[in-house]
Amino acid sequence: MLAASRISNRVLQNDAPSLLRAVSVSSVMRQTRPANCTRFGISSSPSASERLEEEFSPLSLQQRRHYSVLSKEEEEKEKARVASLSSYEKEVELRDLDAKLSRLNTLRGINTGELYTMRGKFKFLAKEYGIGFMMWYWTVWTATAILTYGSIELLDVDAIALLAKVDAWTGYDISSKVDPTLGTIGLTIAVNELLEPLRLPIVVFTTKPVVDTLSRR
């Protein structure tokens, strides 16, 4: 071990000038690489490590913490401009912005293909009509739940008997511990959720005329 240490020290002493020259050449090449690459037609794109270093630099992280697409100065100017507008001018500008956002959402739906699926139309309507859409959806959901409960009562469907059949299949004893009224309510909710494939198209195709009609009043 001692002999190996002496040999390594001797090698370092003999090759120290060479090592210093190598380090100097490396640093010079790093500083002059873009110019040399341009001169000889070689791509000067940064390496993966350099890209990671730049991406996670303190300045880059500080810029990404600011979630607005506007700089701080631009944001302050916009706030001052909006503050100087009258109520009517704000209303006109908001309507114009809403129209542009609606067009952008439509273009995005076409680009992603979501506009041509029932799930995508549901999301589009939720963005487009907001609280009006949600109120209409829960109105339809409540209406189908009331109709389902009325049908169960009218047809005299015994929820406890159905639960007893489930107990016989699963080996549990839940039917004896459930109140009949709560059993009927639980059956109503279950059946109402099963009606979602039928309820969702109705909501999607009726939201626009219903919400537009109610908003005019």
C-alpha atoms as a PDB file:
ATOM      1  CA  MET A   1       0.000   0.000   0.000  1.00  0.00           C
ATOM      2  CA  LEU A   2       2.869   2.368   0.874  1.00  0.00           C
ATOM      3  CA  ALA A   3       4.698   1.470  -2.330  1.00  0.00           C
ATOM      4  CA  ALA A   4       1.608   2.197  -4.408  1.00  0.00           C
ATOM      5  CA  SER A   5       1.253   5.593  -2.721  1.00  0.00           C
ATOM      6  CA  ARG A   6       4.876   6.490  -3.477  1.00  0.00           C
ATOM      7  CA  ILE A   7       4.492   5.457  -7.121  1.00  0.00           C
ATOM      8  CA  SER A   8       1.294   7.551  -7.523  1.00  0.00           C
ATOM      9  CA  ASN A   9       2.968  10.597  -5.948  1.00  0.00           C
ATOM     10  CA  ARG A  10       5.938  10.226  -8.285  1.00  0.00           C
ATOM     11  CA  VAL A  11       3.647   9.965 -11.325  1.00  0.00           C
ATOM     12  CA  LEU A  12       1.730  13.076 -10.251  1.00  0.00           C
ATOM     13  CA  GLN A  13       4.986  15.016  -9.776  1.00  0.00           C
ATOM     14  CA  ASN A  14       6.313  13.989 -13.194  1.00  0.00           C
ATOM     15  CA  ASP A  15       3.020  14.577 -15.022  1.00  0.00           C
ATOM     16  CA  ALA A  16       1.909  17.735 -13.189  1.00  0.00           C
ATOM     17  CA  PRO A  17       2.834  20.059 -16.076  1.00  0.00           C
ATOM     18  CA  SER A  18       0.934  17.824 -18.514  1.00  0.00           C
ATOM     19  CA  LEU A  19      -2.130  17.785 -16.274  1.00  0.00           C
ATOM     20  CA  LEU A  20      -2.084  21.578 -15.924  1.00  0.00           C
ATOM     21  CA  ARG A  21      -1.809  21.974 -19.704  1.00  0.00           C
ATOM     22  CA  ALA A  22      -4.762  19.588 -20.182  1.00  0.00           C
ATOM     23  CA  VAL A  23      -6.924  21.519 -17.736  1.00  0.00           C
ATOM     24  CA  SER A  24      -6.014  24.821 -19.388  1.00  0.00           C
ATOM     25  CA  VAL A  25      -6.791  23.485 -22.872  1.00  0.00           C
ATOM     26  CA  SER A  26     -10.123  22.089 -21.651  1.00  0.00           C
ATOM     27  CA  SER A  27     -11.182  25.416 -20.148  1.00  0.00           C
ATOM     28  CA  VAL A  28     -10.126  27.286 -23.291  1.00  0.00           C
ATOM     29  CA  MET A  29     -12.044  24.846 -25.500  1.00  0.00           C
ATOM     30  CA  ARG A  30     -15.131  25.267 -23.323  1.00  0.00           C
ATOM     31  CA  GLN A  31     -14.994  29.052 -23.624  1.00  0.00           C
ATOM     32  CA  THR A  32     -14.248  29.132 -27.363  1.00  0.00           C
ATOM     33  CA  ARG A  33     -16.460  26.210 -28.412  1.00  0.00           C
ATOM     34  CA  PRO A  34     -19.341  28.237 -29.888  1.00  0.00           C
ATOM     35  CA  ALA A  35     -17.015  30.313 -32.051  1.00  0.00           C
ATOM     36  CA  ASN A  36     -15.007  27.280 -33.202  1.00  0.00           C
ATOM     37  CA  CYS A  37     -18.161  25.282 -33.890  1.00  0.00           C
ATOM     38  CA  THR A  38     -19.580  28.118 -35.984  1.00  0.00           C
ATOM     39  CA  ARG A  39     -16.308  28.450 -37.887  1.00  0.00           C
ATOM     40  CA  PHE A  40     -16.119  24.747 -38.783  1.00  0.00           C
ATOM     41  CA  GLY A  41     -19.894  24.213 -39.316  1.00  0.00           C
ATOM     42  CA  ILE A  42     -20.377  22.019 -36.244  1.00  0.00           C
ATOM     43  CA  SER A  43     -23.557  22.184 -34.157  1.00  0.00           C
ATOM     44  CA  SER A  44     -23.043  24.131 -30.939  1.00  0.00           C
ATOM     45  CA  SER A  45     -26.142  22.862 -29.132  1.00  0.00           C
ATOM     46  CA  PRO A  46     -25.590  22.429 -25.395  1.00  0.00           C
ATOM     47  CA  SER A  47     -25.141  19.000 -23.914  1.00  0.00           C
ATOM     48  CA  ALA A  48     -27.745  17.317 -21.732  1.00  0.00           C
ATOM     49  CA  SER A  49     -25.918  18.237 -18.555  1.00  0.00           C
ATOM     50  CA  GLU A  50     -25.677  21.886 -19.624  1.00  0.00           C
ATOM     51  CA  ARG A  51     -29.381  21.974 -20.472  1.00  0.00           C
ATOM     52  CA  LEU A  52     -30.257  20.538 -17.052  1.00  0.00           C
ATOM     53  CA  GLU A  53     -27.960  23.037 -15.342  1.00  0.00           C
ATOM     54  CA  GLU A  54     -29.612  25.902 -17.204  1.00  0.00           C
ATOM     55  CA  GLU A  55     -33.131  24.580 -16.558  1.00  0.00           C
ATOM     56  CA  PHE A  56     -32.631  24.250 -12.824  1.00  0.00           C
ATOM     57  CA  SER A  57     -30.591  27.387 -12.339  1.00  0.00           C
ATOM     58  CA  PRO A  58     -31.859  29.729  -9.582  1.00  0.00           C
ATOM     59  CA  LEU A  59     -32.850  32.390 -12.138  1.00  0.00           C
ATOM     60  CA  SER A  60     -34.846  29.922 -14.229  1.00  0.00           C
ATOM     61  CA  LEU A  61     -36.648  28.527 -11.180  1.00  0.00           C
ATOM     62  CA  GLN A  62     -37.441  32.046  -9.954  1.00  0.00           C
ATOM     63  CA  GLN A  63     -38.925  32.920 -13.356  1.00  0.00           C
ATOM     64  CA  ARG A  64     -41.070  29.787 -13.382  1.00  0.00           C
ATOM     65  CA  ARG A  65     -42.474  30.522  -9.921  1.00  0.00           C
ATOM     66  CA  HIS A  66     -44.236  33.507 -11.471  1.00  0.00           C
ATOM     67  CA  TYR A  67     -47.312  31.772 -12.916  1.00  0.00           C
ATOM     68  CA  SER A  68     -48.548  34.713 -15.003  1.00  0.00           C
ATOM     69  CA  VAL A  69     -47.623  34.863 -18.675  1.00  0.00           C
ATOM     70  CA  LEU A  70     -47.063  38.574 -18.149  1.00  0.00           C
ATOM     71  CA  SER A  71     -44.034  40.019 -16.480  1.00  0.00           C
ATOM     72  CA  LYS A  72     -44.528  41.881 -13.215  1.00  0.00           C
ATOM     73  CA  GLU A  73     -44.210  45.244 -14.971  1.00  0.00           C
ATOM     74  CA  GLU A  74     -46.725  44.262 -17.673  1.00  0.00           C
ATOM     75  CA  GLU A  75     -49.131  42.990 -15.036  1.00  0.00           C
ATOM     76  CA  GLU A  76     -48.972  46.276 -13.112  1.00  0.00           C
ATOM     77  CA  LYS A  77     -49.561  48.264 -16.323  1.00  0.00           C
ATOM     78  CA  GLU A  78     -52.570  46.102 -17.167  1.00  0.00           C
ATOM     79  CA  LYS A  79     -54.018  46.548 -13.675  1.00  0.00           C
ATOM     80  CA  ALA A  80     -53.650  50.311 -13.991  1.00  0.00           C
ATOM     81  CA  ARG A  81     -55.299  50.268 -17.442  1.00  0.00           C
ATOM     82  CA  VAL A  82     -58.257  48.182 -16.235  1.00  0.00           C
ATOM     83  CA  ALA A  83     -58.686  50.440 -13.199  1.00  0.00           C
ATOM     84  CA  SER A  84     -59.082  53.427 -15.519  1.00  0.00           C
ATOM     85  CA  LEU A  85     -61.934  51.796 -17.499  1.00  0.00           C
ATOM     86  CA  SER A  86     -65.577  52.546 -16.864  1.00  0.00           C
ATOM     87  CA  SER A  87     -68.038  49.797 -15.913  1.00  0.00           C
ATOM     88  CA  TYR A  88     -69.447  49.723 -19.443  1.00  0.00           C
ATOM     89  CA  GLU A  89     -65.978  49.467 -21.008  1.00  0.00           C
ATOM     90  CA  LYS A  90     -65.096  46.618 -18.648  1.00  0.00           C
ATOM     91  CA  GLU A  91     -68.297  44.787 -19.577  1.00  0.00           C
ATOM     92  CA  VAL A  92     -67.595  45.164 -23.304  1.00  0.00           C
ATOM     93  CA  GLU A  93     -64.009  44.001 -22.864  1.00  0.00           C
ATOM     94  CA  LEU A  94     -65.076  41.026 -20.753  1.00  0.00           C
ATOM     95  CA  ARG A  95     -67.577  39.941 -23.391  1.00  0.00           C
ATOM     96  CA  ASP A  96     -64.899  40.188 -26.049  1.00  0.00           C
ATOM     97  CA  LEU A  97     -62.497  38.133 -23.926  1.00  0.00           C
ATOM     98  CA  ASP A  98     -65.202  35.524 -23.238  1.00  0.00           C
ATOM     99  CA  ALA A  99     -65.859  35.201 -26.973  1.00  0.00           C
ATOM    100  CA  LYS A 100     -62.156  34.733 -27.674  1.00  0.00           C
ATOM    101  CA  LEU A 101     -61.819  32.164 -24.877  1.00  0.00           C
ATOM    102  CA  SER A 102     -64.825  30.273 -26.213  1.00  0.00           C
ATOM    103  CA  ARG A 103     -63.262  30.153 -29.675  1.00  0.00           C
ATOM    104  CA  LEU A 104     -59.922  28.997 -28.244  1.00  0.00           C
ATOM    105  CA  ASN A 105     -61.642  26.257 -26.216  1.00  0.00           C
ATOM    106  CA  THR A 106     -63.442  25.099 -29.363  1.00  0.00           C
ATOM    107  CA  LEU A 107     -60.197  25.036 -31.345  1.00  0.00           C
ATOM    108  CA  ARG A 108     -58.525  23.117 -28.528  1.00  0.00           C
ATOM    109  CA  GLY A 109     -61.379  20.605 -28.478  1.00  0.00           C
ATOM    110  CA  ILE A 110     -61.011  20.101 -32.226  1.00  0.00           C
ATOM    111  CA  ASN A 111     -57.240  19.701 -31.877  1.00  0.00           C
ATOM    112  CA  THR A 112     -57.462  17.126 -29.075  1.00  0.00           C
ATOM    113  CA  GLY A 113     -60.567  15.408 -30.447  1.00  0.00           C
ATOM    114  CA  GLU A 114     -62.449  15.974 -27.173  1.00  0.00           C
ATOM    115  CA  LEU A 115     -65.118  18.004 -28.954  1.00  0.00           C
ATOM    116  CA  TYR A 116     -66.333  14.848 -30.683  1.00  0.00           C
ATOM    117  CA  THR A 117     -66.732  12.686 -27.561  1.00  0.00           C
ATOM    118  CA  MET A 118     -69.484  12.855 -24.960  1.00  0.00           C
ATOM    119  CA  ARG A 119     -66.954  13.229 -22.162  1.00  0.00           C
ATOM    120  CA  GLY A 120     -65.179  16.024 -24.048  1.00  0.00           C
ATOM    121  CA  LYS A 121     -68.467  17.843 -24.701  1.00  0.00           C
ATOM    122  CA  PHE A 122     -69.274  17.569 -20.991  1.00  0.00           C
ATOM    123  CA  LYS A 123     -65.932  19.219 -20.089  1.00  0.00           C
ATOM    124  CA  PHE A 124     -66.420  21.858 -22.796  1.00  0.00           C
ATOM    125  CA  LEU A 125     -69.867  22.792 -21.482  1.00  0.00           C
ATOM    126  CA  ALA A 126     -68.536  22.943 -17.927  1.00  0.00           C
ATOM    127  CA  LYS A 127     -65.897  25.461 -19.051  1.00  0.00           C
ATOM    128  CA  GLU A 128     -68.284  27.371 -21.301  1.00  0.00           C
ATOM    129  CA  TYR A 129     -71.267  27.754 -18.956  1.00  0.00           C
ATOM    130  CA  GLY A 130     -69.723  27.212 -15.514  1.00  0.00           C
ATOM    131  CA  ILE A 131     -72.231  27.413 -12.670  1.00  0.00           C
ATOM    132  CA  GLY A 132     -75.197  27.426 -15.074  1.00  0.00           C
ATOM    133  CA  PHE A 133     -74.147  24.073 -16.473  1.00  0.00           C
ATOM    134  CA  MET A 134     -73.617  22.553 -13.027  1.00  0.00           C
ATOM    135  CA  MET A 135     -77.022  23.784 -11.826  1.00  0.00           C
ATOM    136  CA  TRP A 136     -78.736  22.285 -14.868  1.00  0.00           C
ATOM    137  CA  TYR A 137     -76.857  18.979 -14.501  1.00  0.00           C
ATOM    138  CA  TRP A 138     -77.867  18.579 -10.838  1.00  0.00           C
ATOM    139  CA  THR A 139     -81.433  19.600 -11.694  1.00  0.00           C
ATOM    140  CA  VAL A 140     -81.634  16.769 -14.218  1.00  0.00           C
ATOM    141  CA  TRP A 141     -79.893  14.393 -11.771  1.00  0.00           C
ATOM    142  CA  THR A 142     -82.420  15.239  -9.037  1.00  0.00           C
ATOM    143  CA  ALA A 143     -85.330  14.845 -11.451  1.00  0.00           C
ATOM    144  CA  THR A 144     -84.201  11.366 -12.521  1.00  0.00           C
ATOM    145  CA  ALA A 145     -83.630  10.430  -8.858  1.00  0.00           C
ATOM    146  CA  ILE A 146     -87.197  11.490  -7.943  1.00  0.00           C
ATOM    147  CA  LEU A 147     -88.594   9.563 -10.908  1.00  0.00           C
ATOM    148  CA  THR A 148     -86.557   6.513  -9.920  1.00  0.00           C
ATOM    149  CA  TYR A 149     -87.752   6.663  -6.309  1.00  0.00           C
ATOM    150  CA  GLY A 150     -91.356   7.082  -7.458  1.00  0.00           C
ATOM    151  CA  SER A 151     -91.025   4.110  -9.795  1.00  0.00           C
ATOM    152  CA  ILE A 152     -89.614   1.921  -7.012  1.00  0.00           C
ATOM    153  CA  GLU A 153     -92.484   2.878  -4.718  1.00  0.00           C
ATOM    154  CA  LEU A 154     -95.104   2.489  -7.460  1.00  0.00           C
ATOM    155  CA  LEU A 155     -93.859  -0.944  -8.512  1.00  0.00           C
ATOM    156  CA  ASP A 156     -93.507  -1.948  -4.843  1.00  0.00           C
ATOM    157  CA  VAL A 157     -89.888  -3.057  -5.246  1.00  0.00           C
ATOM    158  CA  ASP A 158     -88.555  -4.474  -1.979  1.00  0.00           C
ATOM    159  CA  ALA A 159     -85.004  -3.182  -1.558  1.00  0.00           C
ATOM    160  CA  ILE A 160     -84.417  -5.406   1.498  1.00  0.00           C
ATOM    161  CA  ALA A 161     -85.389  -8.515  -0.488  1.00  0.00           C
ATOM    162  CA  LEU A 162     -82.931  -7.553  -3.210  1.00  0.00           C
ATOM    163  CA  LEU A 163     -80.258  -6.967  -0.575  1.00  0.00           C
ATOM    164  CA  ALA A 164     -81.016 -10.397   0.927  1.00  0.00           C
ATOM    165  CA  LYS A 165     -80.319 -11.966  -2.462  1.00  0.00           C
ATOM    166  CA  VAL A 166     -77.004 -10.141  -2.553  1.00  0.00           C
ATOM    167  CA  ASP A 167     -76.258 -11.447   0.961  1.00  0.00           C
ATOM    168  CA  ALA A 168     -76.996 -15.019  -0.177  1.00  0.00           C
ATOM    169  CA  TRP A 169     -74.528 -14.573  -3.046  1.00  0.00           C
ATOM    170  CA  THR A 170     -71.783 -12.891  -1.017  1.00  0.00           C
ATOM    171  CA  GLY A 171     -72.250 -14.683   2.323  1.00  0.00           C
ATOM    172  CA  TYR A 172     -72.792 -11.462   4.303  1.00  0.00           C
ATOM    173  CA  ASP A 173     -75.779 -10.536   6.486  1.00  0.00           C
ATOM    174  CA  ILE A 174     -76.432  -6.865   5.687  1.00  0.00           C
ATOM    175  CA  SER A 175     -80.158  -6.981   4.916  1.00  0.00           C
ATOM    176  CA  SER A 176     -81.090  -7.555   8.559  1.00  0.00           C
ATOM    177  CA  LYS A 177     -79.152  -4.456   9.646  1.00  0.00           C
ATOM    178  CA  VAL A 178     -80.544  -1.971   7.109  1.00  0.00           C
ATOM    179  CA  ASP A 179     -83.644   0.160   7.628  1.00  0.00           C
ATOM    180  CA  PRO A 180     -86.194  -0.377   4.797  1.00  0.00           C
ATOM    181  CA  THR A 181     -86.417   3.359   4.062  1.00  0.00           C
ATOM    182  CA  LEU A 182     -82.632   3.693   3.843  1.00  0.00           C
ATOM    183  CA  GLY A 183     -82.586   0.581   1.678  1.00  0.00           C
ATOM    184  CA  THR A 184     -85.025   2.179  -0.762  1.00  0.00           C
ATOM    185  CA  ILE A 185     -82.978   5.394  -0.859  1.00  0.00           C
ATOM    186  CA  GLY A 186     -79.777   3.410  -1.463  1.00  0.00           C
ATOM    187  CA  LEU A 187     -81.451   1.462  -4.285  1.00  0.00           C
ATOM    188  CA  THR A 188     -82.672   4.744  -5.780  1.00  0.00           C
ATOM    189  CA  ILE A 189     -79.167   6.222  -5.808  1.00  0.00           C
ATOM    190  CA  ALA A 190     -77.707   3.043  -7.315  1.00  0.00           C
ATOM    191  CA  VAL A 191     -80.278   2.892 -10.101  1.00  0.00           C
ATOM    192  CA  ASN A 192     -79.958   6.645 -10.719  1.00  0.00           C
ATOM    193  CA  GLU A 193     -76.195   6.294 -11.186  1.00  0.00           C
ATOM    194  CA  LEU A 194     -76.787   3.476 -13.658  1.00  0.00           C
ATOM    195  CA  LEU A 195     -78.889   5.916 -15.674  1.00  0.00           C
ATOM    196  CA  GLU A 196     -75.863   8.198 -16.234  1.00  0.00           C
ATOM    197  CA  PRO A 197     -75.232   6.991 -19.844  1.00  0.00           C
ATOM    198  CA  LEU A 198     -78.792   8.096 -20.664  1.00  0.00           C
ATOM    199  CA  ARG A 199     -78.774  11.259 -18.545  1.00  0.00           C
ATOM    200  CA  LEU A 200     -75.452  12.662 -19.809  1.00  0.00           C
ATOM    201  CA  PRO A 201     -76.496  13.028 -23.488  1.00  0.00           C
ATOM    202  CA  ILE A 202     -79.707  14.764 -22.388  1.00  0.00           C
ATOM    203  CA  VAL A 203     -77.707  17.258 -20.323  1.00  0.00           C
ATOM    204  CA  VAL A 204     -75.175  17.841 -23.112  1.00  0.00           C
ATOM    205  CA  PHE A 205     -77.797  18.517 -25.792  1.00  0.00           C
ATOM    206  CA  THR A 206     -80.078  20.669 -23.627  1.00  0.00           C
ATOM    207  CA  THR A 207     -77.556  22.781 -21.673  1.00  0.00           C
ATOM    208  CA  LYS A 208     -77.050  25.472 -24.311  1.00  0.00           C
ATOM    209  CA  PRO A 209     -80.737  26.291 -25.018  1.00  0.00           C
ATOM    210  CA  VAL A 210     -81.761  26.035 -21.352  1.00  0.00           C
ATOM    211  CA  VAL A 211     -78.916  28.150 -19.930  1.00  0.00           C
ATOM    212  CA  ASP A 212     -79.147  30.721 -22.742  1.00  0.00           C
ATOM    213  CA  THR A 213     -82.898  31.059 -22.216  1.00  0.00           C
ATOM    214  CA  LEU A 214     -82.577  31.473 -18.451  1.00  0.00           C
ATOM    215  CA  SER A 215     -79.702  33.968 -18.757  1.00  0.00           C
ATOM    216  CA  ARG A 216     -81.802  36.273 -20.959  1.00  0.00           C
ATOM    217  CA  ARG A 217     -84.434  36.646 -18.250  1.00  0.00           C
END
